[in-house]
Amino acid sequence: MEVDRSERWREGKGRILVSDSHSEGRILVSDRHSEGRILVSDSHSEGRILVSDSHSEGRILVSDRHSEGRILVSDSHSEGRILVSDSHSEGRILVSDSHSEGRILVSDSHSEGRILVSDSHSEGRILVSDSHSEGRILVSDSHSEGRILVSDSHSEGRILVSDSHSEGRILVSDSHSEGRILVSDSHSEGRILVSDSHSEGRILVSDSHSEGRILVTVAAREVSGHRVKL
């Protein structure tokens, strides 16, 4: 049946409403404000407006009242993820999917291919995992003062910390260190350097040669301490 398109324009307030066999009951909407995009709204979209256009390279762009102005993107490359980009993300692509357990994964031009992860368990931290981290989870948050905190399967639950102040050292704090900061670097020859509130600014050193002792260095003087349980 021939449809009067001028009538359709008038009823749709300038929009063209389209329904066809490929739309699975969706209502496809295109108007002069959409710059050639196809806007899609259906019963499955829960009031969202799905947008696909020539610029989206086959992606389905989703914007709804719950997204606070964000553009949600799902495409064949996203493996079911929902990609989110909004005015607050400064060009980042935020990713949330069924595998992320509610986390928000963030990848942007500043992250050099890393996947930044923030979730309810991270207490505002930004978790970073990338191809250079060998499966480690790098953590940076407001409490770390610019440090990169690293936790991985090799660290046995420790939190490894490296920052601009550590001069390339890896700072390690774990449940066994009783709040101490354990430090290992290229200068320590495999020793574990320990500094804590009990050491009064000293650097405590324990290594495979010390048979579990804590070696204490004060200024340039090294003395042998007692055997201490770490």
C-alpha atoms as a PDB file:
ATOM      1  CA  MET A   1       0.000   0.000   0.000  1.00  0.00           C
ATOM      2  CA  GLU A   2       1.352   3.403  -1.016  1.00  0.00           C
ATOM      3  CA  VAL A   3       1.965   5.712   1.929  1.00  0.00           C
ATOM      4  CA  ASP A   4       1.644   9.477   1.707  1.00  0.00           C
ATOM      5  CA  ARG A   5       5.145  10.563   2.783  1.00  0.00           C
ATOM      6  CA  SER A   6       4.120  14.217   3.215  1.00  0.00           C
ATOM      7  CA  GLU A   7       1.479  13.083   5.712  1.00  0.00           C
ATOM      8  CA  ARG A   8       4.056  10.943   7.470  1.00  0.00           C
ATOM      9  CA  TRP A   9       6.446  13.883   7.778  1.00  0.00           C
ATOM     10  CA  ARG A  10       3.692  16.044   9.251  1.00  0.00           C
ATOM     11  CA  GLU A  11       2.615  13.448  11.801  1.00  0.00           C
ATOM     12  CA  GLY A  12       6.199  12.643  12.774  1.00  0.00           C
ATOM     13  CA  LYS A  13       7.154  16.303  13.322  1.00  0.00           C
ATOM     14  CA  GLY A  14       9.714  16.096  10.531  1.00  0.00           C
ATOM     15  CA  ARG A  15      10.812  12.553  11.302  1.00  0.00           C
ATOM     16  CA  ILE A  16      10.513   9.572   9.005  1.00  0.00           C
ATOM     17  CA  LEU A  17       9.262   6.538  10.931  1.00  0.00           C
ATOM     18  CA  VAL A  18      10.297   3.269   9.314  1.00  0.00           C
ATOM     19  CA  SER A  19       9.322  -0.297  10.200  1.00  0.00           C
ATOM     20  CA  ASP A  20      10.333  -3.267   8.092  1.00  0.00           C
ATOM     21  CA  SER A  21      10.889  -7.022   8.302  1.00  0.00           C
ATOM     22  CA  HIS A  22      14.553  -6.539   9.197  1.00  0.00           C
ATOM     23  CA  SER A  23      13.830  -4.244  12.130  1.00  0.00           C
ATOM     24  CA  GLU A  24      12.203  -6.986  14.264  1.00  0.00           C
ATOM     25  CA  GLY A  25       9.433  -4.642  15.344  1.00  0.00           C
ATOM     26  CA  ARG A  26      11.733  -1.731  15.958  1.00  0.00           C
ATOM     27  CA  ILE A  27      10.771   1.722  14.873  1.00  0.00           C
ATOM     28  CA  LEU A  28      13.567   3.234  12.789  1.00  0.00           C
ATOM     29  CA  VAL A  29      13.605   7.012  12.861  1.00  0.00           C
ATOM     30  CA  SER A  30      15.427   9.352  10.506  1.00  0.00           C
ATOM     31  CA  ASP A  31      14.930  13.102  10.411  1.00  0.00           C
ATOM     32  CA  ARG A  32      16.643  16.177   9.086  1.00  0.00           C
ATOM     33  CA  HIS A  33      18.348  16.751  12.442  1.00  0.00           C
ATOM     34  CA  SER A  34      19.970  13.319  12.441  1.00  0.00           C
ATOM     35  CA  GLU A  35      22.406  14.095   9.596  1.00  0.00           C
ATOM     36  CA  GLY A  36      21.705  10.811   7.839  1.00  0.00           C
ATOM     37  CA  ARG A  37      21.733   8.696  10.964  1.00  0.00           C
ATOM     38  CA  ILE A  38      19.160   6.006  11.538  1.00  0.00           C
ATOM     39  CA  LEU A  39      17.630   6.373  14.974  1.00  0.00           C
ATOM     40  CA  VAL A  40      16.141   3.178  16.369  1.00  0.00           C
ATOM     41  CA  SER A  41      13.710   2.832  19.243  1.00  0.00           C
ATOM     42  CA  ASP A  42      11.938  -0.380  20.137  1.00  0.00           C
ATOM     43  CA  SER A  43      10.359  -2.247  23.026  1.00  0.00           C
ATOM     44  CA  HIS A  44      13.687  -3.911  23.818  1.00  0.00           C
ATOM     45  CA  SER A  45      15.587  -0.632  24.112  1.00  0.00           C
ATOM     46  CA  GLU A  46      13.784   0.492  27.289  1.00  0.00           C
ATOM     47  CA  GLY A  47      13.334   4.006  25.964  1.00  0.00           C
ATOM     48  CA  ARG A  48      16.838   4.249  24.590  1.00  0.00           C
ATOM     49  CA  ILE A  49      17.489   5.768  21.218  1.00  0.00           C
ATOM     50  CA  LEU A  50      19.716   3.490  19.167  1.00  0.00           C
ATOM     51  CA  VAL A  51      21.723   5.300  16.521  1.00  0.00           C
ATOM     52  CA  SER A  52      23.517   3.846  13.524  1.00  0.00           C
ATOM     53  CA  ASP A  53      25.032   5.996  10.788  1.00  0.00           C
ATOM     54  CA  SER A  54      27.693   6.023   8.108  1.00  0.00           C
ATOM     55  CA  HIS A  55      30.218   7.377  10.608  1.00  0.00           C
ATOM     56  CA  SER A  56      29.653   4.570  13.116  1.00  0.00           C
ATOM     57  CA  GLU A  57      31.167   1.842  10.886  1.00  0.00           C
ATOM     58  CA  GLY A  58      28.286  -0.525  11.608  1.00  0.00           C
ATOM     59  CA  ARG A  59      28.218   0.159  15.310  1.00  0.00           C
ATOM     60  CA  ILE A  60      24.985   0.653  17.149  1.00  0.00           C
ATOM     61  CA  LEU A  61      25.160   3.885  19.113  1.00  0.00           C
ATOM     62  CA  VAL A  62      22.860   4.043  22.110  1.00  0.00           C
ATOM     63  CA  SER A  63      21.797   7.145  23.994  1.00  0.00           C
ATOM     64  CA  ASP A  64      19.115   7.173  26.661  1.00  0.00           C
ATOM     65  CA  ARG A  65      17.979   9.105  29.679  1.00  0.00           C
ATOM     66  CA  HIS A  66      19.926   6.773  31.962  1.00  0.00           C
ATOM     67  CA  SER A  67      23.222   7.473  30.195  1.00  0.00           C
ATOM     68  CA  GLU A  68      23.366  11.141  31.245  1.00  0.00           C
ATOM     69  CA  GLY A  69      24.284  12.262  27.745  1.00  0.00           C
ATOM     70  CA  ARG A  70      26.719   9.444  27.129  1.00  0.00           C
ATOM     71  CA  ILE A  71      26.853   7.675  23.812  1.00  0.00           C
ATOM     72  CA  LEU A  72      26.746   3.924  24.324  1.00  0.00           C
ATOM     73  CA  VAL A  73      28.347   1.924  21.534  1.00  0.00           C
ATOM     74  CA  SER A  74      28.004  -1.761  20.772  1.00  0.00           C
ATOM     75  CA  ASP A  75      29.434  -3.304  17.622  1.00  0.00           C
ATOM     76  CA  SER A  76      30.722  -6.557  16.174  1.00  0.00           C
ATOM     77  CA  HIS A  77      34.223  -5.771  17.422  1.00  0.00           C
ATOM     78  CA  SER A  78      33.126  -5.183  21.012  1.00  0.00           C
ATOM     79  CA  GLU A  79      32.175  -8.847  21.670  1.00  0.00           C
ATOM     80  CA  GLY A  80      28.947  -7.821  23.385  1.00  0.00           C
ATOM     81  CA  ARG A  81      30.519  -5.047  25.376  1.00  0.00           C
ATOM     82  CA  ILE A  82      28.830  -1.715  25.771  1.00  0.00           C
ATOM     83  CA  LEU A  83      31.281   1.034  24.885  1.00  0.00           C
ATOM     84  CA  VAL A  84      30.545   4.370  26.513  1.00  0.00           C
ATOM     85  CA  SER A  85      31.881   7.752  25.510  1.00  0.00           C
ATOM     86  CA  ASP A  86      30.631  10.988  27.017  1.00  0.00           C
ATOM     87  CA  SER A  87      31.591  14.580  27.651  1.00  0.00           C
ATOM     88  CA  HIS A  88      33.117  13.593  30.991  1.00  0.00           C
ATOM     89  CA  SER A  89      35.394  10.953  29.492  1.00  0.00           C
ATOM     90  CA  GLU A  90      37.559  13.416  27.531  1.00  0.00           C
ATOM     91  CA  GLY A  91      37.569  11.186  24.476  1.00  0.00           C
ATOM     92  CA  ARG A  92      38.013   7.954  26.391  1.00  0.00           C
ATOM     93  CA  ILE A  93      36.089   4.858  25.466  1.00  0.00           C
ATOM     94  CA  LEU A  94      34.450   3.402  28.546  1.00  0.00           C
ATOM     95  CA  VAL A  95      33.702  -0.312  28.305  1.00  0.00           C
ATOM     96  CA  SER A  96      31.387  -2.407  30.435  1.00  0.00           C
ATOM     97  CA  ASP A  97      30.562  -6.009  29.614  1.00  0.00           C
ATOM     98  CA  SER A  98      29.419  -9.262  31.177  1.00  0.00           C
ATOM     99  CA  HIS A  99      33.027 -10.254  31.827  1.00  0.00           C
ATOM    100  CA  SER A 100      33.882  -7.051  33.680  1.00  0.00           C
ATOM    101  CA  GLU A 101      31.669  -7.834  36.698  1.00  0.00           C
ATOM    102  CA  GLY A 102      30.261  -4.313  36.743  1.00  0.00           C
ATOM    103  CA  ARG A 103      33.615  -2.661  36.239  1.00  0.00           C
ATOM    104  CA  ILE A 104      34.015   0.238  33.880  1.00  0.00           C
ATOM    105  CA  LEU A 105      36.920  -0.429  31.535  1.00  0.00           C
ATOM    106  CA  VAL A 106      38.521   2.684  30.101  1.00  0.00           C
ATOM    107  CA  SER A 107      40.787   2.914  27.086  1.00  0.00           C
ATOM    108  CA  ASP A 108      41.907   6.227  25.640  1.00  0.00           C
ATOM    109  CA  SER A 109      44.645   7.860  23.620  1.00  0.00           C
ATOM    110  CA  HIS A 110      46.568   8.616  26.803  1.00  0.00           C
ATOM    111  CA  SER A 111      46.538   5.022  28.033  1.00  0.00           C
ATOM    112  CA  GLU A 112      48.839   3.716  25.265  1.00  0.00           C
ATOM    113  CA  GLY A 113      46.609   0.695  24.666  1.00  0.00           C
ATOM    114  CA  ARG A 114      46.119  -0.064  28.335  1.00  0.00           C
ATOM    115  CA  ILE A 115      42.746  -1.022  29.676  1.00  0.00           C
ATOM    116  CA  LEU A 116      41.922   1.127  32.676  1.00  0.00           C
ATOM    117  CA  VAL A 117      39.484  -0.478  35.094  1.00  0.00           C
ATOM    118  CA  SER A 118      37.459   1.198  37.805  1.00  0.00           C
ATOM    119  CA  ASP A 119      34.828  -0.645  39.809  1.00  0.00           C
ATOM    120  CA  SER A 120      33.003  -0.633  43.124  1.00  0.00           C
ATOM    121  CA  HIS A 121      35.747  -2.781  44.657  1.00  0.00           C
ATOM    122  CA  SER A 122      38.536  -0.411  43.666  1.00  0.00           C
ATOM    123  CA  GLU A 123      37.439   2.387  46.016  1.00  0.00           C
ATOM    124  CA  GLY A 124      37.955   4.998  43.315  1.00  0.00           C
ATOM    125  CA  ARG A 125      41.242   3.549  42.129  1.00  0.00           C
ATOM    126  CA  ILE A 126      42.024   3.239  38.463  1.00  0.00           C
ATOM    127  CA  LEU A 127      43.164  -0.304  37.724  1.00  0.00           C
ATOM    128  CA  VAL A 128      45.370  -0.652  34.664  1.00  0.00           C
ATOM    129  CA  SER A 129      46.141  -3.807  32.736  1.00  0.00           C
ATOM    130  CA  ASP A 130      48.005  -3.775  29.436  1.00  0.00           C
ATOM    131  CA  SER A 131      50.170  -5.903  27.180  1.00  0.00           C
ATOM    132  CA  HIS A 132      53.280  -4.632  28.943  1.00  0.00           C
ATOM    133  CA  SER A 133      52.065  -5.609  32.413  1.00  0.00           C
ATOM    134  CA  GLU A 134      52.255  -9.396  31.782  1.00  0.00           C
ATOM    135  CA  GLY A 135      48.847  -9.939  33.367  1.00  0.00           C
ATOM    136  CA  ARG A 136      49.526  -7.686  36.319  1.00  0.00           C
ATOM    137  CA  ILE A 137      46.908  -5.266  37.525  1.00  0.00           C
ATOM    138  CA  LEU A 138      48.400  -1.799  37.818  1.00  0.00           C
ATOM    139  CA  VAL A 139      46.595   0.428  40.292  1.00  0.00           C
ATOM    140  CA  SER A 140      46.732   4.190  40.553  1.00  0.00           C
ATOM    141  CA  ASP A 141      44.459   6.185  42.829  1.00  0.00           C
ATOM    142  CA  SER A 142      44.178   9.455  44.682  1.00  0.00           C
ATOM    143  CA  HIS A 143      45.851   7.885  47.712  1.00  0.00           C
ATOM    144  CA  SER A 144      48.895   6.703  45.766  1.00  0.00           C
ATOM    145  CA  GLU A 145      50.201  10.217  45.031  1.00  0.00           C
ATOM    146  CA  GLY A 146      50.925   9.334  41.417  1.00  0.00           C
ATOM    147  CA  ARG A 147      52.403   5.933  42.200  1.00  0.00           C
ATOM    148  CA  ILE A 148      51.574   2.916  40.116  1.00  0.00           C
ATOM    149  CA  LEU A 149      50.485   0.077  42.381  1.00  0.00           C
ATOM    150  CA  VAL A 150      50.976  -3.406  40.942  1.00  0.00           C
ATOM    151  CA  SER A 151      49.352  -6.641  42.068  1.00  0.00           C
ATOM    152  CA  ASP A 152      49.825  -9.866  40.132  1.00  0.00           C
ATOM    153  CA  SER A 153      49.850 -13.632  40.503  1.00  0.00           C
ATOM    154  CA  HIS A 154      53.570 -13.555  41.232  1.00  0.00           C
ATOM    155  CA  SER A 155      53.262 -11.077  44.098  1.00  0.00           C
ATOM    156  CA  GLU A 156      51.369 -13.489  46.411  1.00  0.00           C
ATOM    157  CA  GLY A 157      48.854 -10.796  47.341  1.00  0.00           C
ATOM    158  CA  ARG A 158      51.462  -8.107  47.778  1.00  0.00           C
ATOM    159  CA  ILE A 159      50.934  -4.649  46.384  1.00  0.00           C
ATOM    160  CA  LEU A 160      53.958  -3.613  44.337  1.00  0.00           C
ATOM    161  CA  VAL A 161      54.472   0.130  44.121  1.00  0.00           C
ATOM    162  CA  SER A 162      56.623   2.017  41.662  1.00  0.00           C
ATOM    163  CA  ASP A 163      56.611   5.797  41.415  1.00  0.00           C
ATOM    164  CA  SER A 164      58.719   8.746  40.384  1.00  0.00           C
ATOM    165  CA  HIS A 165      60.134   8.977  43.900  1.00  0.00           C
ATOM    166  CA  SER A 166      61.321   5.364  44.009  1.00  0.00           C
ATOM    167  CA  GLU A 167      64.090   5.841  41.397  1.00  0.00           C
ATOM    168  CA  GLY A 168      63.074   2.672  39.580  1.00  0.00           C
ATOM    169  CA  ARG A 169      62.660   0.615  42.735  1.00  0.00           C
ATOM    170  CA  ILE A 170      59.710  -1.673  43.218  1.00  0.00           C
ATOM    171  CA  LEU A 171      58.076  -0.925  46.548  1.00  0.00           C
ATOM    172  CA  VAL A 172      56.204  -3.875  48.054  1.00  0.00           C
ATOM    173  CA  SER A 173      53.636  -3.834  50.825  1.00  0.00           C
ATOM    174  CA  ASP A 174      51.707  -6.939  51.859  1.00  0.00           C
ATOM    175  CA  SER A 175      49.876  -8.525  54.773  1.00  0.00           C
ATOM    176  CA  HIS A 176      53.127 -10.072  55.998  1.00  0.00           C
ATOM    177  CA  SER A 177      55.004  -6.777  56.104  1.00  0.00           C
ATOM    178  CA  GLU A 178      52.921  -5.306  58.962  1.00  0.00           C
ATOM    179  CA  GLY A 179      52.583  -1.971  57.172  1.00  0.00           C
ATOM    180  CA  ARG A 180      56.217  -1.845  56.113  1.00  0.00           C
ATOM    181  CA  ILE A 181      57.204  -0.796  52.638  1.00  0.00           C
ATOM    182  CA  LEU A 182      59.456  -3.438  51.110  1.00  0.00           C
ATOM    183  CA  VAL A 183      61.804  -2.148  48.439  1.00  0.00           C
ATOM    184  CA  SER A 184      63.703  -4.118  45.822  1.00  0.00           C
ATOM    185  CA  ASP A 185      65.754  -2.449  43.108  1.00  0.00           C
ATOM    186  CA  SER A 186      68.732  -2.963  40.834  1.00  0.00           C
ATOM    187  CA  HIS A 187      71.042  -1.582  43.519  1.00  0.00           C
ATOM    188  CA  SER A 188      69.909  -4.036  46.204  1.00  0.00           C
ATOM    189  CA  GLU A 189      71.446  -7.133  44.529  1.00  0.00           C
ATOM    190  CA  GLY A 190      68.332  -9.201  45.195  1.00  0.00           C
ATOM    191  CA  ARG A 191      67.892  -7.990  48.752  1.00  0.00           C
ATOM    192  CA  ILE A 192      64.549  -6.855  50.040  1.00  0.00           C
ATOM    193  CA  LEU A 193      64.889  -3.379  51.499  1.00  0.00           C
ATOM    194  CA  VAL A 194      62.387  -2.596  54.236  1.00  0.00           C
ATOM    195  CA  SER A 195      61.431   0.813  55.596  1.00  0.00           C
ATOM    196  CA  ASP A 196      58.685   1.293  58.166  1.00  0.00           C
ATOM    197  CA  SER A 197      57.575   3.489  61.038  1.00  0.00           C
ATOM    198  CA  HIS A 198      59.536   1.312  63.474  1.00  0.00           C
ATOM    199  CA  SER A 199      62.839   1.735  61.646  1.00  0.00           C
ATOM    200  CA  GLU A 200      63.185   5.453  62.484  1.00  0.00           C
ATOM    201  CA  GLY A 201      64.153   6.243  58.903  1.00  0.00           C
ATOM    202  CA  ARG A 202      66.535   3.313  58.597  1.00  0.00           C
ATOM    203  CA  ILE A 203      66.513   1.027  55.603  1.00  0.00           C
ATOM    204  CA  LEU A 204      66.127  -2.564  56.779  1.00  0.00           C
ATOM    205  CA  VAL A 205      67.636  -5.183  54.492  1.00  0.00           C
ATOM    206  CA  SER A 206      66.823  -8.893  54.330  1.00  0.00           C
ATOM    207  CA  ASP A 207      68.168 -11.231  51.665  1.00  0.00           C
ATOM    208  CA  SER A 208      68.914 -14.894  51.012  1.00  0.00           C
ATOM    209  CA  HIS A 209      72.324 -14.495  52.635  1.00  0.00           C
ATOM    210  CA  SER A 210      70.943 -13.108  55.900  1.00  0.00           C
ATOM    211  CA  GLU A 211      69.214 -16.380  56.943  1.00  0.00           C
ATOM    212  CA  GLY A 212      66.039 -14.485  57.828  1.00  0.00           C
ATOM    213  CA  ARG A 213      67.838 -11.802  59.790  1.00  0.00           C
ATOM    214  CA  ILE A 214      67.032  -8.166  59.298  1.00  0.00           C
ATOM    215  CA  LEU A 215      70.160  -6.234  58.369  1.00  0.00           C
ATOM    216  CA  VAL A 216      69.968  -2.577  59.347  1.00  0.00           C
ATOM    217  CA  THR A 217      71.756   0.194  57.504  1.00  0.00           C
ATOM    218  CA  VAL A 218      71.997   3.538  59.249  1.00  0.00           C
ATOM    219  CA  ALA A 219      73.611   6.233  57.128  1.00  0.00           C
ATOM    220  CA  ALA A 220      76.644   4.432  55.580  1.00  0.00           C
ATOM    221  CA  ARG A 221      77.053   1.926  58.408  1.00  0.00           C
ATOM    222  CA  GLU A 222      75.635  -1.625  58.159  1.00  0.00           C
ATOM    223  CA  VAL A 223      75.150  -3.715  61.281  1.00  0.00           C
ATOM    224  CA  SER A 224      73.654  -7.156  61.839  1.00  0.00           C
ATOM    225  CA  GLY A 225      70.330  -7.144  63.631  1.00  0.00           C
ATOM    226  CA  HIS A 226      68.395  -9.861  65.356  1.00  0.00           C
ATOM    227  CA  ARG A 227      66.414 -12.557  63.615  1.00  0.00           C
ATOM    228  CA  VAL A 228      62.965 -11.089  63.065  1.00  0.00           C
ATOM    229  CA  LYS A 229      59.816 -12.801  61.856  1.00  0.00           C
ATOM    230  CA  LEU A 230      58.447 -10.940  58.809  1.00  0.00           C
END
